[in-house]
């Protein structure tokens, strides 16, 4: 792949990288195209890179994302419920995209119905799953929540640790 990228001008996107060891073999040596790597932590072991920290979405940006995904969320009468879904999703793009997709693919659902499903803290992570994408899986791959020492000593997973962390209000990725 490095040889091909060296000869072509293209943007290589490496999304949700686990670490430097995963990224290094994919970086073109001296190519003409840029590489965009997203990660939940700083990849400080990579040299010669420009790092850009992204702020979490604002409540307004979160609501706009939901409205762009699901027609039900675009209705003016749903504005308060859209704000609540955004809050319950912690204004996080992955959670919002999943919630919006679930809403968009269920024409019988209202935004209020989605609020009710997400309001149950014990079922929230299970509700934020669509296809093979889930917030819970993102947690399991996150260095912040993948080991007991990083979960503040919790060893029983997300449900056991929720007293120490607000659901879907983790630190920015």
Foldseek 3Di string as FASTA:
>chain_A
DLVVQQPDADEAEAEADLADVRCVVVDHDHHNYYYHYDHQDDRVVDPPDDDDDDDADDLVRLLVLLVVQAVLSVDPVCVVLSSLQCVLLQSHPLQSNQLSNVRRVDVPDHSVNSSVQSVPVVCNQVSSDDDPDGPQVSQCSHPCRVDCVSLVNDDPGDVRSCVVPPPNNDDGD
